[in-house]
Amino acid sequence: VVSTQLCIYAVGAERVRHEGQEFAQQLYMQLPWHQ
């Protein structure tokens, strides 16, 4: 329980950060900027 407690908060925050970065990366790659 003690080990999982800390992982929930740390890994959860890291997951939100990663999803935000993934959206930014897809935004740059998916849009046809040259057109």
PDB file of all heavy atoms in Angstrom:
ATOM      1  N   VAL A   1       0.836  -1.207   0.000  1.00  0.00           N
ATOM      2  CA  VAL A   1       0.000   0.000   0.000  1.00  0.00           C
ATOM      3  C   VAL A   1       0.864   1.249   0.000  1.00  0.00           C
ATOM      4  O   VAL A   1       0.627   2.194  -0.778  1.00  0.00           O
ATOM      5  CB  VAL A   1      -0.946  -0.004   1.221  1.00  0.00           C
ATOM      6  CG1 VAL A   1      -1.634   1.348   1.371  1.00  0.00           C
ATOM      7  CG2 VAL A   1      -1.988  -1.099   1.080  1.00  0.00           C
ATOM      8  N   VAL A   2       1.893   1.284   0.851  1.00  0.00           N
ATOM      9  CA  VAL A   2       2.750   2.467   0.947  1.00  0.00           C
ATOM     10  C   VAL A   2       3.479   2.709  -0.370  1.00  0.00           C
ATOM     11  O   VAL A   2       3.574   3.851  -0.844  1.00  0.00           O
ATOM     12  CB  VAL A   2       3.751   2.300   2.110  1.00  0.00           C
ATOM     13  CG1 VAL A   2       4.774   3.427   2.105  1.00  0.00           C
ATOM     14  CG2 VAL A   2       3.023   2.274   3.441  1.00  0.00           C
ATOM     15  N   SER A   3       3.992   1.641  -0.988  1.00  0.00           N
ATOM     16  CA  SER A   3       4.695   1.797  -2.265  1.00  0.00           C
ATOM     17  C   SER A   3       3.748   2.266  -3.364  1.00  0.00           C
ATOM     18  O   SER A   3       4.105   3.131  -4.175  1.00  0.00           O
ATOM     19  CB  SER A   3       5.335   0.462  -2.667  1.00  0.00           C
ATOM     20  OG  SER A   3       6.251   0.021  -1.692  1.00  0.00           O
ATOM     21  N   THR A   4       2.533   1.715  -3.381  1.00  0.00           N
ATOM     22  CA  THR A   4       1.574   2.086  -4.422  1.00  0.00           C
ATOM     23  C   THR A   4       1.068   3.502  -4.231  1.00  0.00           C
ATOM     24  O   THR A   4       0.788   4.207  -5.216  1.00  0.00           O
ATOM     25  CB  THR A   4       0.387   1.100  -4.415  1.00  0.00           C
ATOM     26  OG1 THR A   4       0.874  -0.240  -4.438  1.00  0.00           O
ATOM     27  CG2 THR A   4      -0.511   1.323  -5.619  1.00  0.00           C
ATOM     28  N   GLN A   5       0.940   3.947  -2.977  1.00  0.00           N
ATOM     29  CA  GLN A   5       0.495   5.315  -2.701  1.00  0.00           C
ATOM     30  C   GLN A   5       1.339   6.329  -3.448  1.00  0.00           C
ATOM     31  O   GLN A   5       0.821   7.214  -4.138  1.00  0.00           O
ATOM     32  CB  GLN A   5       0.590   5.606  -1.194  1.00  0.00           C
ATOM     33  CG  GLN A   5      -0.640   5.273  -0.398  1.00  0.00           C
ATOM     34  CD  GLN A   5      -0.457   5.659   1.061  1.00  0.00           C
ATOM     35  OE1 GLN A   5       0.645   5.945   1.517  1.00  0.00           O
ATOM     36  NE2 GLN A   5      -1.531   5.659   1.812  1.00  0.00           N
ATOM     37  N   LEU A   6       2.636   6.210  -3.295  1.00  0.00           N
ATOM     38  CA  LEU A   6       3.543   7.168  -3.927  1.00  0.00           C
ATOM     39  C   LEU A   6       3.505   7.056  -5.445  1.00  0.00           C
ATOM     40  O   LEU A   6       3.532   8.073  -6.151  1.00  0.00           O
ATOM     41  CB  LEU A   6       4.964   6.945  -3.404  1.00  0.00           C
ATOM     42  CG  LEU A   6       6.029   7.918  -3.894  1.00  0.00           C
ATOM     43  CD1 LEU A   6       5.675   9.336  -3.467  1.00  0.00           C
ATOM     44  CD2 LEU A   6       7.393   7.541  -3.343  1.00  0.00           C
ATOM     45  N   CYS A   7       3.415   5.831  -5.953  1.00  0.00           N
ATOM     46  CA  CYS A   7       3.392   5.632  -7.404  1.00  0.00           C
ATOM     47  C   CYS A   7       2.143   6.243  -8.033  1.00  0.00           C
ATOM     48  O   CYS A   7       2.192   6.752  -9.160  1.00  0.00           O
ATOM     49  CB  CYS A   7       3.469   4.144  -7.734  1.00  0.00           C
ATOM     50  SG  CYS A   7       5.059   3.380  -7.332  1.00  0.00           S
ATOM     51  N   ILE A   8       1.022   6.201  -7.330  1.00  0.00           N
ATOM     52  CA  ILE A   8      -0.215   6.767  -7.875  1.00  0.00           C
ATOM     53  C   ILE A   8      -0.035   8.246  -8.183  1.00  0.00           C
ATOM     54  O   ILE A   8      -0.404   8.730  -9.264  1.00  0.00           O
ATOM     55  CB  ILE A   8      -1.387   6.553  -6.888  1.00  0.00           C
ATOM     56  CG1 ILE A   8      -1.803   5.080  -6.875  1.00  0.00           C
ATOM     57  CG2 ILE A   8      -2.578   7.434  -7.267  1.00  0.00           C
ATOM     58  CD1 ILE A   8      -2.850   4.757  -5.826  1.00  0.00           C
ATOM     59  N   TYR A   9       0.556   8.984  -7.252  1.00  0.00           N
ATOM     60  CA  TYR A   9       0.697  10.436  -7.427  1.00  0.00           C
ATOM     61  C   TYR A   9       1.809  10.775  -8.415  1.00  0.00           C
ATOM     62  O   TYR A   9       1.635  11.644  -9.285  1.00  0.00           O
ATOM     63  CB  TYR A   9       0.953  11.099  -6.080  1.00  0.00           C
ATOM     64  CG  TYR A   9      -0.256  11.092  -5.187  1.00  0.00           C
ATOM     65  CD1 TYR A   9      -0.504  10.035  -4.326  1.00  0.00           C
ATOM     66  CD2 TYR A   9      -1.170  12.135  -5.217  1.00  0.00           C
ATOM     67  CE1 TYR A   9      -1.631  10.007  -3.515  1.00  0.00           C
ATOM     68  CE2 TYR A   9      -2.299  12.125  -4.405  1.00  0.00           C
ATOM     69  CZ  TYR A   9      -2.525  11.055  -3.555  1.00  0.00           C
ATOM     70  OH  TYR A   9      -3.638  11.034  -2.756  1.00  0.00           O
ATOM     71  N   ALA A  10       2.960  10.099  -8.298  1.00  0.00           N
ATOM     72  CA  ALA A  10       4.091  10.431  -9.165  1.00  0.00           C
ATOM     73  C   ALA A  10       3.853   9.959 -10.597  1.00  0.00           C
ATOM     74  O   ALA A  10       4.012  10.728 -11.550  1.00  0.00           O
ATOM     75  CB  ALA A  10       5.372   9.816  -8.608  1.00  0.00           C
ATOM     76  N   VAL A  11       3.474   8.699 -10.756  1.00  0.00           N
ATOM     77  CA  VAL A  11       3.254   8.154 -12.101  1.00  0.00           C
ATOM     78  C   VAL A  11       2.018   8.786 -12.749  1.00  0.00           C
ATOM     79  O   VAL A  11       1.987   9.015 -13.961  1.00  0.00           O
ATOM     80  CB  VAL A  11       3.130   6.620 -12.044  1.00  0.00           C
ATOM     81  CG1 VAL A  11       2.846   6.050 -13.424  1.00  0.00           C
ATOM     82  CG2 VAL A  11       4.405   6.001 -11.473  1.00  0.00           C
ATOM     83  N   GLY A  12       0.993   9.082 -11.933  1.00  0.00           N
ATOM     84  CA  GLY A  12      -0.198   9.740 -12.475  1.00  0.00           C
ATOM     85  C   GLY A  12       0.119  11.111 -13.049  1.00  0.00           C
ATOM     86  O   GLY A  12      -0.336  11.454 -14.156  1.00  0.00           O
ATOM     87  N   ALA A  13       0.910  11.900 -12.330  1.00  0.00           N
ATOM     88  CA  ALA A  13       1.299  13.221 -12.840  1.00  0.00           C
ATOM     89  C   ALA A  13       2.144  13.094 -14.098  1.00  0.00           C
ATOM     90  O   ALA A  13       2.009  13.884 -15.047  1.00  0.00           O
ATOM     91  CB  ALA A  13       2.066  13.975 -11.757  1.00  0.00           C
ATOM     92  N   GLU A  14       3.016  12.072 -14.121  1.00  0.00           N
ATOM     93  CA  GLU A  14       3.849  11.846 -15.303  1.00  0.00           C
ATOM     94  C   GLU A  14       2.979  11.456 -16.506  1.00  0.00           C
ATOM     95  O   GLU A  14       3.283  11.840 -17.647  1.00  0.00           O
ATOM     96  CB  GLU A  14       4.855  10.739 -15.005  1.00  0.00           C
ATOM     97  CG  GLU A  14       6.052  10.711 -15.918  1.00  0.00           C
ATOM     98  CD  GLU A  14       7.021  11.848 -15.668  1.00  0.00           C
ATOM     99  OE1 GLU A  14       7.030  12.405 -14.549  1.00  0.00           O
ATOM    100  OE2 GLU A  14       7.760  12.189 -16.603  1.00  0.00           O
ATOM    101  N   ARG A  15       1.913  10.734 -16.263  1.00  0.00           N
ATOM    102  CA  ARG A  15       1.021  10.324 -17.357  1.00  0.00           C
ATOM    103  C   ARG A  15       0.307  11.530 -17.963  1.00  0.00           C
ATOM    104  O   ARG A  15       0.189  11.633 -19.190  1.00  0.00           O
ATOM    105  CB  ARG A  15       0.000   9.309 -16.838  1.00  0.00           C
ATOM    106  CG  ARG A  15      -0.911   8.732 -17.914  1.00  0.00           C
ATOM    107  CD  ARG A  15      -1.949   7.818 -17.321  1.00  0.00           C
ATOM    108  NE  ARG A  15      -2.825   7.252 -18.329  1.00  0.00           N
ATOM    109  CZ  ARG A  15      -2.655   6.085 -18.924  1.00  0.00           C
ATOM    110  NH1 ARG A  15      -1.609   5.339 -18.617  1.00  0.00           N
ATOM    111  NH2 ARG A  15      -3.518   5.646 -19.823  1.00  0.00           N
ATOM    112  N   VAL A  16      -0.163  12.447 -17.114  1.00  0.00           N
ATOM    113  CA  VAL A  16      -0.820  13.650 -17.632  1.00  0.00           C
ATOM    114  C   VAL A  16       0.163  14.471 -18.462  1.00  0.00           C
ATOM    115  O   VAL A  16      -0.180  14.990 -19.534  1.00  0.00           O
ATOM    116  CB  VAL A  16      -1.384  14.485 -16.463  1.00  0.00           C
ATOM    117  CG1 VAL A  16      -1.920  15.822 -16.969  1.00  0.00           C
ATOM    118  CG2 VAL A  16      -2.492  13.720 -15.747  1.00  0.00           C
ATOM    119  N   ARG A  17       1.391  14.607 -17.977  1.00  0.00           N
ATOM    120  CA  ARG A  17       2.410  15.345 -18.725  1.00  0.00           C
ATOM    121  C   ARG A  17       2.690  14.681 -20.072  1.00  0.00           C
ATOM    122  O   ARG A  17       2.810  15.355 -21.105  1.00  0.00           O
ATOM    123  CB  ARG A  17       3.693  15.422 -17.908  1.00  0.00           C
ATOM    124  CG  ARG A  17       4.813  16.263 -18.533  1.00  0.00           C
ATOM    125  CD  ARG A  17       6.093  16.169 -17.726  1.00  0.00           C
ATOM    126  NE  ARG A  17       6.647  14.831 -17.797  1.00  0.00           N
ATOM    127  CZ  ARG A  17       7.396  14.374 -18.802  1.00  0.00           C
ATOM    128  NH1 ARG A  17       7.659  15.167 -19.836  1.00  0.00           N
ATOM    129  NH2 ARG A  17       7.873  13.156 -18.788  1.00  0.00           N
ATOM    130  N   HIS A  18       2.774  13.357 -20.066  1.00  0.00           N
ATOM    131  CA  HIS A  18       3.062  12.628 -21.309  1.00  0.00           C
ATOM    132  C   HIS A  18       1.927  12.793 -22.319  1.00  0.00           C
ATOM    133  O   HIS A  18       2.192  12.965 -23.521  1.00  0.00           O
ATOM    134  CB  HIS A  18       3.270  11.137 -20.991  1.00  0.00           C
ATOM    135  CG  HIS A  18       3.366  10.276 -22.214  1.00  0.00           C
ATOM    136  ND1 HIS A  18       4.477  10.247 -23.029  1.00  0.00           N
ATOM    137  CD2 HIS A  18       2.466   9.408 -22.777  1.00  0.00           C
ATOM    138  CE1 HIS A  18       4.274   9.410 -24.029  1.00  0.00           C
ATOM    139  NE2 HIS A  18       3.065   8.885 -23.908  1.00  0.00           N
ATOM    140  N   GLU A  19       0.674  12.745 -21.870  1.00  0.00           N
ATOM    141  CA  GLU A  19      -0.453  12.894 -22.795  1.00  0.00           C
ATOM    142  C   GLU A  19      -0.474  14.290 -23.400  1.00  0.00           C
ATOM    143  O   GLU A  19      -0.818  14.453 -24.583  1.00  0.00           O
ATOM    144  CB  GLU A  19      -1.767  12.614 -22.063  1.00  0.00           C
ATOM    145  CG  GLU A  19      -1.949  11.173 -21.626  1.00  0.00           C
ATOM    146  CD  GLU A  19      -2.019  10.186 -22.782  1.00  0.00           C
ATOM    147  OE1 GLU A  19      -2.437  10.600 -23.889  1.00  0.00           O
ATOM    148  OE2 GLU A  19      -1.654   9.020 -22.585  1.00  0.00           O
ATOM    149  N   GLY A  20      -0.103  15.317 -22.605  1.00  0.00           N
ATOM    150  CA  GLY A  20      -0.014  16.665 -23.153  1.00  0.00           C
ATOM    151  C   GLY A  20       1.064  16.779 -24.211  1.00  0.00           C
ATOM    152  O   GLY A  20       0.872  17.422 -25.264  1.00  0.00           O
ATOM    153  N   GLN A  21       2.209  16.144 -23.977  1.00  0.00           N
ATOM    154  CA  GLN A  21       3.281  16.145 -24.968  1.00  0.00           C
ATOM    155  C   GLN A  21       2.879  15.382 -26.228  1.00  0.00           C
ATOM    156  O   GLN A  21       3.232  15.788 -27.346  1.00  0.00           O
ATOM    157  CB  GLN A  21       4.540  15.524 -24.370  1.00  0.00           C
ATOM    158  CG  GLN A  21       5.254  16.403 -23.355  1.00  0.00           C
ATOM    159  CD  GLN A  21       6.516  15.760 -22.834  1.00  0.00           C
ATOM    160  OE1 GLN A  21       6.624  14.535 -22.782  1.00  0.00           O
ATOM    161  NE2 GLN A  21       7.475  16.569 -22.434  1.00  0.00           N
ATOM    162  N   GLU A  22       2.148  14.288 -26.048  1.00  0.00           N
ATOM    163  CA  GLU A  22       1.718  13.492 -27.198  1.00  0.00           C
ATOM    164  C   GLU A  22       0.772  14.299 -28.081  1.00  0.00           C
ATOM    165  O   GLU A  22       0.864  14.225 -29.330  1.00  0.00           O
ATOM    166  CB  GLU A  22       1.027  12.215 -26.712  1.00  0.00           C
ATOM    167  CG  GLU A  22       0.570  11.274 -27.807  1.00  0.00           C
ATOM    168  CD  GLU A  22       1.726  10.660 -28.576  1.00  0.00           C
ATOM    169  OE1 GLU A  22       2.862  10.635 -28.045  1.00  0.00           O
ATOM    170  OE2 GLU A  22       1.489  10.206 -29.715  1.00  0.00           O
ATOM    171  N   PHE A  23      -0.126  15.075 -27.484  1.00  0.00           N
ATOM    172  CA  PHE A  23      -1.027  15.911 -28.277  1.00  0.00           C
ATOM    173  C   PHE A  23      -0.234  16.966 -29.046  1.00  0.00           C
ATOM    174  O   PHE A  23      -0.507  17.221 -30.238  1.00  0.00           O
ATOM    175  CB  PHE A  23      -2.065  16.582 -27.387  1.00  0.00           C
ATOM    176  CG  PHE A  23      -2.902  17.603 -28.095  1.00  0.00           C
ATOM    177  CD1 PHE A  23      -3.879  17.214 -28.994  1.00  0.00           C
ATOM    178  CD2 PHE A  23      -2.692  18.963 -27.887  1.00  0.00           C
ATOM    179  CE1 PHE A  23      -4.643  18.155 -29.677  1.00  0.00           C
ATOM    180  CE2 PHE A  23      -3.457  19.907 -28.560  1.00  0.00           C
ATOM    181  CZ  PHE A  23      -4.433  19.503 -29.454  1.00  0.00           C
ATOM    182  N   ALA A  24       0.756  17.584 -28.389  1.00  0.00           N
ATOM    183  CA  ALA A  24       1.566  18.600 -29.068  1.00  0.00           C
ATOM    184  C   ALA A  24       2.340  17.988 -30.236  1.00  0.00           C
ATOM    185  O   ALA A  24       2.448  18.592 -31.309  1.00  0.00           O
ATOM    186  CB  ALA A  24       2.531  19.236 -28.069  1.00  0.00           C
ATOM    187  N   GLN A  25       2.870  16.786 -30.047  1.00  0.00           N
ATOM    188  CA  GLN A  25       3.608  16.124 -31.116  1.00  0.00           C
ATOM    189  C   GLN A  25       2.694  15.785 -32.289  1.00  0.00           C
ATOM    190  O   GLN A  25       3.056  16.001 -33.457  1.00  0.00           O
ATOM    191  CB  GLN A  25       4.271  14.862 -30.581  1.00  0.00           C
ATOM    192  CG  GLN A  25       5.122  14.132 -31.605  1.00  0.00           C
ATOM    193  CD  GLN A  25       5.781  12.888 -31.040  1.00  0.00           C
ATOM    194  OE1 GLN A  25       5.524  12.503 -29.905  1.00  0.00           O
ATOM    195  NE2 GLN A  25       6.627  12.247 -31.815  1.00  0.00           N
ATOM    196  N   GLN A  26       1.505  15.264 -31.991  1.00  0.00           N
ATOM    197  CA  GLN A  26       0.559  14.942 -33.059  1.00  0.00           C
ATOM    198  C   GLN A  26       0.083  16.202 -33.777  1.00  0.00           C
ATOM    199  O   GLN A  26      -0.141  16.190 -34.993  1.00  0.00           O
ATOM    200  CB  GLN A  26      -0.641  14.185 -32.477  1.00  0.00           C
ATOM    201  CG  GLN A  26      -0.310  12.787 -31.990  1.00  0.00           C
ATOM    202  CD  GLN A  26       0.134  11.871 -33.108  1.00  0.00           C
ATOM    203  OE1 GLN A  26      -0.390  11.934 -34.218  1.00  0.00           O
ATOM    204  NE2 GLN A  26       1.112  11.026 -32.828  1.00  0.00           N
ATOM    205  N   LEU A  27      -0.049  17.299 -33.028  1.00  0.00           N
ATOM    206  CA  LEU A  27      -0.464  18.559 -33.636  1.00  0.00           C
ATOM    207  C   LEU A  27       0.560  19.019 -34.671  1.00  0.00           C
ATOM    208  O   LEU A  27       0.199  19.498 -35.749  1.00  0.00           O
ATOM    209  CB  LEU A  27      -0.631  19.626 -32.547  1.00  0.00           C
ATOM    210  CG  LEU A  27      -1.076  21.012 -32.994  1.00  0.00           C
ATOM    211  CD1 LEU A  27      -2.457  20.955 -33.622  1.00  0.00           C
ATOM    212  CD2 LEU A  27      -1.077  21.965 -31.804  1.00  0.00           C
ATOM    213  N   TYR A  28       1.822  18.852 -34.362  1.00  0.00           N
ATOM    214  CA  TYR A  28       2.869  19.265 -35.302  1.00  0.00           C
ATOM    215  C   TYR A  28       2.971  18.312 -36.489  1.00  0.00           C
ATOM    216  O   TYR A  28       3.210  18.730 -37.633  1.00  0.00           O
ATOM    217  CB  TYR A  28       4.212  19.333 -34.576  1.00  0.00           C
ATOM    218  CG  TYR A  28       5.354  19.766 -35.447  1.00  0.00           C
ATOM    219  CD1 TYR A  28       5.538  21.109 -35.784  1.00  0.00           C
ATOM    220  CD2 TYR A  28       6.245  18.830 -35.954  1.00  0.00           C
ATOM    221  CE1 TYR A  28       6.580  21.497 -36.604  1.00  0.00           C
ATOM    222  CE2 TYR A  28       7.293  19.217 -36.771  1.00  0.00           C
ATOM    223  CZ  TYR A  28       7.459  20.557 -37.100  1.00  0.00           C
ATOM    224  OH  TYR A  28       8.493  20.940 -37.905  1.00  0.00           O
ATOM    225  N   MET A  29       2.776  17.006 -36.233  1.00  0.00           N
ATOM    226  CA  MET A  29       2.989  16.014 -37.288  1.00  0.00           C
ATOM    227  C   MET A  29       1.778  15.844 -38.199  1.00  0.00           C
ATOM    228  O   MET A  29       1.927  15.555 -39.394  1.00  0.00           O
ATOM    229  CB  MET A  29       3.346  14.663 -36.655  1.00  0.00           C
ATOM    230  CG  MET A  29       4.661  14.659 -35.904  1.00  0.00           C
ATOM    231  SD  MET A  29       5.011  13.070 -35.117  1.00  0.00           S
ATOM    232  CE  MET A  29       5.104  11.991 -36.539  1.00  0.00           C
ATOM    233  N   GLN A  30       0.565  15.999 -37.680  1.00  0.00           N
ATOM    234  CA  GLN A  30      -0.633  15.687 -38.457  1.00  0.00           C
ATOM    235  C   GLN A  30      -1.064  16.827 -39.369  1.00  0.00           C
ATOM    236  O   GLN A  30      -1.600  16.569 -40.463  1.00  0.00           O
ATOM    237  CB  GLN A  30      -1.795  15.340 -37.502  1.00  0.00           C
ATOM    238  CG  GLN A  30      -1.587  14.077 -36.680  1.00  0.00           C
ATOM    239  CD  GLN A  30      -1.688  12.818 -37.532  1.00  0.00           C
ATOM    240  OE1 GLN A  30      -2.257  12.828 -38.617  1.00  0.00           O
ATOM    241  NE2 GLN A  30      -1.100  11.733 -37.042  1.00  0.00           N
ATOM    242  N   LEU A  31      -0.855  18.065 -38.968  1.00  0.00           N
ATOM    243  CA  LEU A  31      -1.330  19.179 -39.785  1.00  0.00           C
ATOM    244  C   LEU A  31      -0.451  19.361 -41.022  1.00  0.00           C
ATOM    245  O   LEU A  31       0.778  19.298 -40.929  1.00  0.00           O
ATOM    246  CB  LEU A  31      -1.341  20.475 -38.970  1.00  0.00           C
ATOM    247  CG  LEU A  31      -2.425  20.587 -37.886  1.00  0.00           C
ATOM    248  CD1 LEU A  31      -2.343  21.931 -37.192  1.00  0.00           C
ATOM    249  CD2 LEU A  31      -3.813  20.404 -38.493  1.00  0.00           C
ATOM    250  N   PRO A  32      -1.067  19.613 -42.159  1.00  0.00           N
ATOM    251  CA  PRO A  32      -0.283  19.838 -43.393  1.00  0.00           C
ATOM    252  C   PRO A  32       0.238  21.272 -43.446  1.00  0.00           C
ATOM    253  O   PRO A  32      -0.288  22.115 -44.195  1.00  0.00           O
ATOM    254  CB  PRO A  32      -1.311  19.550 -44.493  1.00  0.00           C
ATOM    255  CG  PRO A  32      -2.623  19.911 -43.874  1.00  0.00           C
ATOM    256  CD  PRO A  32      -2.513  19.589 -42.420  1.00  0.00           C
ATOM    257  N   TRP A  33       1.272  21.554 -42.679  1.00  0.00           N
ATOM    258  CA  TRP A  33       1.755  22.927 -42.560  1.00  0.00           C
ATOM    259  C   TRP A  33       2.211  23.498 -43.906  1.00  0.00           C
ATOM    260  O   TRP A  33       2.053  24.707 -44.161  1.00  0.00           O
ATOM    261  CB  TRP A  33       2.917  22.975 -41.555  1.00  0.00           C
ATOM    262  CG  TRP A  33       2.524  22.595 -40.171  1.00  0.00           C
ATOM    263  CD1 TRP A  33       2.592  21.365 -39.597  1.00  0.00           C
ATOM    264  CD2 TRP A  33       1.956  23.443 -39.178  1.00  0.00           C
ATOM    265  NE1 TRP A  33       2.121  21.388 -38.297  1.00  0.00           N
ATOM    266  CE2 TRP A  33       1.724  22.677 -38.013  1.00  0.00           C
ATOM    267  CE3 TRP A  33       1.619  24.798 -39.156  1.00  0.00           C
ATOM    268  CZ2 TRP A  33       1.177  23.203 -36.865  1.00  0.00           C
ATOM    269  CZ3 TRP A  33       1.085  25.338 -37.999  1.00  0.00           C
ATOM    270  CH2 TRP A  33       0.859  24.536 -36.874  1.00  0.00           C
ATOM    271  N   HIS A  34       2.788  22.653 -44.761  1.00  0.00           N
ATOM    272  CA  HIS A  34       3.321  23.147 -46.029  1.00  0.00           C
ATOM    273  C   HIS A  34       2.209  23.569 -46.989  1.00  0.00           C
ATOM    274  O   HIS A  34       2.460  24.307 -47.960  1.00  0.00           O
ATOM    275  CB  HIS A  34       4.173  22.049 -46.695  1.00  0.00           C
ATOM    276  CG  HIS A  34       3.413  20.793 -46.984  1.00  0.00           C
ATOM    277  ND1 HIS A  34       3.056  19.881 -46.002  1.00  0.00           N
ATOM    278  CD2 HIS A  34       2.916  20.301 -48.160  1.00  0.00           C
ATOM    279  CE1 HIS A  34       2.397  18.878 -46.554  1.00  0.00           C
ATOM    280  NE2 HIS A  34       2.290  19.096 -47.857  1.00  0.00           N
ATOM    281  N   GLN A  35       0.963  23.131 -46.729  1.00  0.00           N
ATOM    282  CA  GLN A  35      -0.145  23.487 -47.602  1.00  0.00           C
ATOM    283  C   GLN A  35      -0.945  24.675 -47.077  1.00  0.00           C
ATOM    284  O   GLN A  35      -1.856  25.152 -47.765  1.00  0.00           O
ATOM    285  CB  GLN A  35      -1.074  22.283 -47.778  1.00  0.00           C
ATOM    286  CG  GLN A  35      -0.412  21.076 -48.422  1.00  0.00           C
ATOM    287  CD  GLN A  35      -1.350  19.893 -48.521  1.00  0.00           C
ATOM    288  OE1 GLN A  35      -2.515  19.975 -48.135  1.00  0.00           O
ATOM    289  NE2 GLN A  35      -0.841  18.771 -49.050  1.00  0.00           N
TER     290      GLN A  35
END
